[in-house]
Amino acid sequence: MKKLINIVFVMTAFVQLSAQKIIHQEVFSPKMNKKIKTVIITPNLQPNTKYPSVYILHGFSGNPDRIMKQDIPDLVKKAQELKTIYVLPDGNYSSWYVDSPVVKDSQYQTFIGKELVEFIDKNYPVKAEKKFRGILGWSMGGYGATNIGVTYNKTFGIVGSSCGALDFNSFGEGYQKYMVNKVLGPLESINPNFLTDSKIKLMAGVDQQYIFDCGTEDTQMISMNRNFHKKLTEMKIQHLYTESLGGHVPEYWSRSLSEQLSLFDRFFKQ
């Protein structure tokens, strides 16, 4: 009987170890001196196994819970199918994922690109090499993923943006409507380093993969993405750019982001 109990205990422990998990975590940011809500989605973790990781940045006014329920509703299933750990940090509604020169406790570029990566590498069974780590997002998160991914080009091997806000200079009323001015100040005095165009020369000299897409009915973002694609092409920077039917709505980016995650998986397996 004692032997049977031991066997049951071992089997129970194994099931607990291998069960897929959705973990709500508060990760402390030394630079901001506050905790940031973060969701970590794992596949069924196996002993002595490490996994690729993808950092997923929500759009303006979003949050990690909405990502799972509305923005990428098949994300939990994807984690299991692709054997990947997904990391969903809260972007504080409208942080734009920058190190703000205006708001001292809004330093999300450093948090995501450095502090959060270090936390995940230390506490979860992820492969720490650049070629097994990616970052993507949409809208505000598309800007954030591009900005952070290229800035931390030794950390992320693949960068993805869906319907990203890639050009503040052509954002028009959106610059104030979506509160970019609150974290970066007036457009006329913005530091050029915060403009996505400033990353193009850097992209030409680093070993990364890039994916960009946008919906053809996304009237605000489509011209930004087409122009950015054109500039990358002129600079002979290898990247994948696609357009498909859809506007700036969850129905579009739910599809496109799920497809991007499958492409990320192909990159990790190369």
Protein backbone atom coordinates (compact mmCIF):
# COMPACT_ATOMS: atom_id res chain seq x y z
CA MET A 1 0.00 0.00 0.00
CA LYS A 2 2.81 2.42 0.89
CA LYS A 3 4.50 1.71 -2.45
CA LEU A 4 1.23 2.39 -4.27
CA ILE A 5 0.83 5.71 -2.45
CA ASN A 6 4.35 6.70 -3.48
CA ILE A 7 3.62 5.87 -7.10
CA VAL A 8 0.42 7.95 -7.02
CA PHE A 9 2.32 10.84 -5.45
CA VAL A 10 5.01 10.76 -8.14
CA MET A 11 2.39 10.64 -10.92
CA THR A 12 0.49 13.56 -9.36
CA ALA A 13 3.69 15.60 -9.10
CA PHE A 14 4.45 14.92 -12.77
CA VAL A 15 0.97 16.01 -13.87
CA GLN A 16 1.34 19.25 -11.91
CA LEU A 17 4.74 19.87 -13.46
CA SER A 18 3.56 19.28 -17.01
CA ALA A 19 0.22 21.11 -16.84
CA GLN A 20 -0.19 24.17 -19.04
CA LYS A 21 -0.32 27.36 -16.98
CA ILE A 22 -1.55 30.95 -17.18
CA ILE A 23 0.38 32.83 -14.52
CA HIS A 24 -0.52 36.33 -13.34
CA GLN A 25 2.67 37.86 -12.00
CA GLU A 26 3.70 41.27 -10.69
CA VAL A 27 7.25 41.97 -11.84
CA PHE A 28 9.21 44.68 -10.07
CA SER A 29 10.89 47.33 -12.21
CA PRO A 30 13.92 48.88 -10.47
CA LYS A 31 13.99 51.77 -12.94
CA MET A 32 10.32 52.68 -12.34
CA ASN A 33 10.31 51.54 -8.70
CA LYS A 34 6.96 49.78 -9.13
CA LYS A 35 5.49 46.41 -9.99
CA ILE A 36 4.14 45.75 -13.47
CA LYS A 37 1.31 43.28 -14.01
CA THR A 38 2.42 40.57 -16.39
CA VAL A 39 0.81 37.38 -17.66
CA ILE A 40 3.00 34.40 -18.54
CA ILE A 41 1.48 31.59 -20.61
CA THR A 42 3.36 28.31 -20.69
CA PRO A 43 2.85 25.06 -22.59
CA ASN A 44 2.89 21.77 -20.71
CA LEU A 45 6.35 22.11 -19.15
CA GLN A 46 8.47 19.01 -19.29
CA PRO A 47 11.46 18.17 -17.06
CA ASN A 48 14.88 19.31 -18.29
CA THR A 49 13.34 21.17 -21.22
CA LYS A 50 13.67 24.83 -22.19
CA TYR A 51 11.40 26.77 -24.52
CA PRO A 52 11.46 29.75 -26.90
CA SER A 53 9.79 32.92 -25.61
CA VAL A 54 7.80 35.69 -27.26
CA TYR A 55 7.00 39.04 -25.65
CA ILE A 56 3.58 40.32 -26.77
CA LEU A 57 2.72 44.03 -26.48
CA HIS A 58 -0.93 45.10 -26.53
CA GLY A 59 -2.30 48.17 -28.28
CA PHE A 60 -3.47 51.49 -26.89
CA SER A 61 -5.90 51.07 -23.95
CA GLY A 62 -5.35 47.30 -23.89
CA ASN A 63 -4.13 44.92 -21.21
CA PRO A 64 -2.85 41.33 -20.96
CA ASP A 65 -6.24 39.82 -20.09
CA ARG A 66 -7.81 41.38 -23.17
CA ILE A 67 -5.03 39.90 -25.29
CA MET A 68 -6.12 36.39 -24.30
CA LYS A 69 -9.87 37.03 -24.47
CA GLN A 70 -10.16 39.23 -27.55
CA ASP A 71 -6.96 40.23 -29.34
CA ILE A 72 -5.38 36.76 -29.79
CA PRO A 73 -8.09 34.38 -28.57
CA ASP A 74 -6.16 31.28 -29.65
CA LEU A 75 -3.02 32.34 -27.74
CA VAL A 76 -3.28 29.73 -24.96
CA LYS A 77 -3.79 27.04 -27.58
CA LYS A 78 -0.84 28.42 -29.55
CA ALA A 79 1.45 28.17 -26.52
CA GLN A 80 0.72 24.45 -26.30
CA GLU A 81 0.83 23.76 -30.04
CA LEU A 82 4.07 25.66 -30.65
CA LYS A 83 5.72 24.78 -27.31
CA THR A 84 6.48 28.43 -26.60
CA ILE A 85 6.28 30.63 -23.51
CA TYR A 86 4.40 33.89 -24.09
CA VAL A 87 5.04 36.94 -21.93
CA LEU A 88 2.33 39.64 -21.82
CA PRO A 89 3.34 42.81 -19.92
CA ASP A 90 0.83 45.52 -19.08
CA GLY A 91 1.67 48.66 -21.06
CA ASN A 92 -0.16 50.95 -18.61
CA TYR A 93 -2.93 51.85 -21.11
CA SER A 94 -0.93 54.47 -23.03
CA SER A 95 2.79 54.19 -22.19
CA TRP A 96 3.78 53.64 -25.84
CA TYR A 97 6.45 51.38 -24.36
CA VAL A 98 9.04 54.16 -24.30
CA ASP A 99 11.45 55.45 -21.71
CA SER A 100 9.53 58.67 -21.28
CA PRO A 101 11.54 61.89 -20.90
CA VAL A 102 8.41 63.43 -19.37
CA VAL A 103 6.99 60.82 -16.96
CA LYS A 104 9.58 59.39 -14.55
CA ASP A 105 7.68 56.21 -13.73
CA SER A 106 6.95 55.39 -17.37
CA GLN A 107 10.16 53.67 -18.48
CA TYR A 108 8.72 50.70 -20.33
CA GLN A 109 11.44 50.32 -22.94
CA THR A 110 14.01 49.46 -20.27
CA PHE A 111 11.51 47.38 -18.33
CA ILE A 112 10.54 45.15 -21.26
CA GLY A 113 13.85 45.08 -23.12
CA LYS A 114 16.03 44.44 -20.07
CA GLU A 115 14.37 44.02 -16.67
CA LEU A 116 11.51 41.75 -17.72
CA VAL A 117 13.75 39.62 -19.94
CA GLU A 118 16.17 39.14 -17.05
CA PHE A 119 13.28 38.16 -14.76
CA ILE A 120 11.84 35.64 -17.21
CA ASP A 121 15.28 34.15 -17.98
CA LYS A 122 15.89 33.67 -14.26
CA ASN A 123 12.50 32.27 -13.26
CA TYR A 124 11.18 30.32 -16.25
CA PRO A 125 12.62 27.52 -18.40
CA VAL A 126 13.33 29.61 -21.48
CA LYS A 127 16.15 29.38 -23.97
CA ALA A 128 18.20 32.49 -23.26
CA GLU A 129 19.82 32.77 -26.69
CA LYS A 130 18.69 35.61 -28.95
CA LYS A 131 17.63 33.20 -31.71
CA PHE A 132 14.95 31.76 -29.41
CA ARG A 133 13.45 35.07 -28.24
CA GLY A 134 11.02 37.31 -30.13
CA ILE A 135 8.85 40.37 -29.61
CA LEU A 136 5.68 41.49 -31.39
CA GLY A 137 2.70 43.78 -30.94
CA TRP A 138 -0.02 45.68 -32.75
CA SER A 139 -0.93 49.36 -33.06
CA MET A 140 0.80 51.04 -30.08
CA GLY A 141 2.39 47.65 -29.41
CA GLY A 142 3.60 47.41 -33.01
CA TYR A 143 5.50 50.63 -32.47
CA GLY A 144 6.73 49.37 -29.10
CA ALA A 145 7.87 46.00 -30.43
CA THR A 146 9.75 47.63 -33.30
CA ASN A 147 11.36 50.28 -31.09
CA ILE A 148 12.32 47.89 -28.28
CA GLY A 149 13.18 44.96 -30.53
CA VAL A 150 15.62 46.93 -32.67
CA THR A 151 17.07 48.84 -29.70
CA TYR A 152 17.73 45.53 -27.91
CA ASN A 153 18.91 43.76 -31.05
CA LYS A 154 21.25 41.50 -29.06
CA THR A 155 18.28 40.26 -27.03
CA PHE A 156 15.57 39.62 -29.64
CA GLY A 157 16.13 37.59 -32.78
CA ILE A 158 12.79 38.30 -34.45
CA VAL A 159 10.54 41.38 -34.36
CA GLY A 160 6.93 41.61 -35.51
CA SER A 161 4.46 44.47 -35.93
CA SER A 162 0.82 44.30 -36.99
CA CYS A 163 -0.89 47.54 -38.07
CA GLY A 164 1.80 49.39 -36.12
CA ALA A 165 1.84 53.14 -35.53
CA LEU A 166 5.20 53.48 -37.25
CA ASP A 167 5.32 57.20 -38.06
CA PHE A 168 4.45 59.84 -35.48
CA ASN A 169 5.08 62.59 -38.07
CA SER A 170 2.07 61.40 -40.10
CA PHE A 171 -0.07 60.50 -37.10
CA GLY A 172 -1.92 63.81 -37.28
CA GLU A 173 -4.54 64.24 -34.55
CA GLY A 174 -3.71 60.74 -33.34
CA TYR A 175 -0.54 62.06 -31.70
CA GLN A 176 -2.67 63.76 -29.04
CA LYS A 177 -5.78 61.59 -29.29
CA TYR A 178 -3.76 58.51 -28.37
CA MET A 179 -1.76 60.41 -25.76
CA VAL A 180 1.68 60.08 -27.34
CA ASN A 181 2.34 63.68 -26.30
CA LYS A 182 1.78 62.71 -22.65
CA VAL A 183 4.89 60.50 -22.67
CA LEU A 184 7.04 62.06 -25.41
CA GLY A 185 6.08 65.73 -25.26
CA PRO A 186 5.17 67.95 -28.24
CA LEU A 187 5.82 66.45 -31.67
CA GLU A 188 7.76 69.50 -32.82
CA SER A 189 10.38 68.92 -30.11
CA ILE A 190 10.42 65.09 -30.05
CA ASN A 191 13.78 63.37 -29.75
CA PRO A 192 14.44 61.80 -33.19
CA ASN A 193 15.48 58.57 -31.47
CA PHE A 194 11.79 57.93 -30.74
CA LEU A 195 10.92 57.96 -34.44
CA THR A 196 10.84 54.52 -36.03
CA ASP A 197 12.66 55.83 -39.11
CA SER A 198 15.70 56.42 -36.90
CA LYS A 199 15.98 52.65 -36.41
CA ILE A 200 16.33 51.82 -40.12
CA LYS A 201 20.10 52.24 -40.37
CA LEU A 202 20.51 50.13 -37.24
CA MET A 203 18.26 47.43 -38.71
CA ALA A 204 20.58 47.20 -41.70
CA GLY A 205 23.51 46.14 -39.54
CA VAL A 206 22.05 43.66 -37.05
CA ASP A 207 21.17 40.00 -37.39
CA GLN A 208 17.38 40.02 -36.91
CA GLN A 209 14.24 38.91 -38.75
CA TYR A 210 11.39 41.40 -39.29
CA ILE A 211 7.69 40.92 -40.02
CA PHE A 212 5.27 43.78 -40.75
CA ASP A 213 1.65 43.64 -41.84
CA CYS A 214 -1.36 45.93 -42.08
CA GLY A 215 -5.00 45.82 -43.17
CA THR A 216 -5.86 47.51 -46.45
CA GLU A 217 -8.84 49.27 -44.82
CA ASP A 218 -6.78 50.54 -41.88
CA THR A 219 -6.96 54.14 -43.07
CA GLN A 220 -4.76 55.56 -40.32
CA MET A 221 -1.95 52.99 -40.36
CA ILE A 222 -1.75 51.65 -43.91
CA SER A 223 0.24 54.56 -45.37
CA MET A 224 2.69 54.46 -42.44
CA ASN A 225 3.34 50.77 -43.00
CA ARG A 226 3.63 51.07 -46.77
CA ASN A 227 6.12 53.90 -46.41
CA PHE A 228 8.17 52.01 -43.84
CA HIS A 229 8.19 48.93 -46.08
CA LYS A 230 9.37 51.10 -48.98
CA LYS A 231 12.22 52.58 -46.92
CA LEU A 232 13.35 49.15 -45.74
CA THR A 233 13.27 47.88 -49.32
CA GLU A 234 15.31 50.86 -50.54
CA MET A 235 17.88 50.13 -47.83
CA LYS A 236 17.85 46.44 -48.88
CA ILE A 237 16.85 45.33 -45.39
CA GLN A 238 15.37 41.85 -45.58
CA HIS A 239 11.86 41.71 -44.11
CA LEU A 240 8.44 40.19 -44.70
CA TYR A 241 5.67 42.67 -45.45
CA THR A 242 2.07 41.69 -46.13
CA GLU A 243 -1.29 43.38 -46.57
CA SER A 244 -4.70 41.75 -46.38
CA LEU A 245 -8.31 42.81 -46.11
CA GLY A 246 -9.26 44.38 -42.79
CA GLY A 247 -9.31 47.54 -40.73
CA HIS A 248 -7.92 48.60 -37.37
CA VAL A 249 -10.07 46.09 -35.52
CA PRO A 250 -9.56 42.93 -33.44
CA GLU A 251 -10.87 40.76 -36.27
CA TYR A 252 -7.86 41.81 -38.35
CA TRP A 253 -5.05 41.61 -35.84
CA SER A 254 -6.40 38.42 -34.22
CA ARG A 255 -5.79 36.70 -37.54
CA SER A 256 -2.53 38.42 -38.42
CA LEU A 257 -0.93 37.96 -34.99
CA SER A 258 -1.80 34.28 -34.89
CA GLU A 259 -0.14 33.91 -38.29
CA GLN A 260 2.90 35.87 -37.09
CA LEU A 261 3.30 33.55 -34.11
CA SER A 262 3.40 30.60 -36.49
CA LEU A 263 6.13 32.39 -38.47
CA PHE A 264 8.01 33.05 -35.24
CA ASP A 265 7.88 29.30 -34.56
CA ARG A 266 9.42 28.59 -37.97
CA PHE A 267 12.23 31.03 -37.14
CA PHE A 268 12.90 29.35 -33.78
CA LYS A 269 13.14 25.95 -35.49
CA GLN A 270 15.62 27.03 -38.16
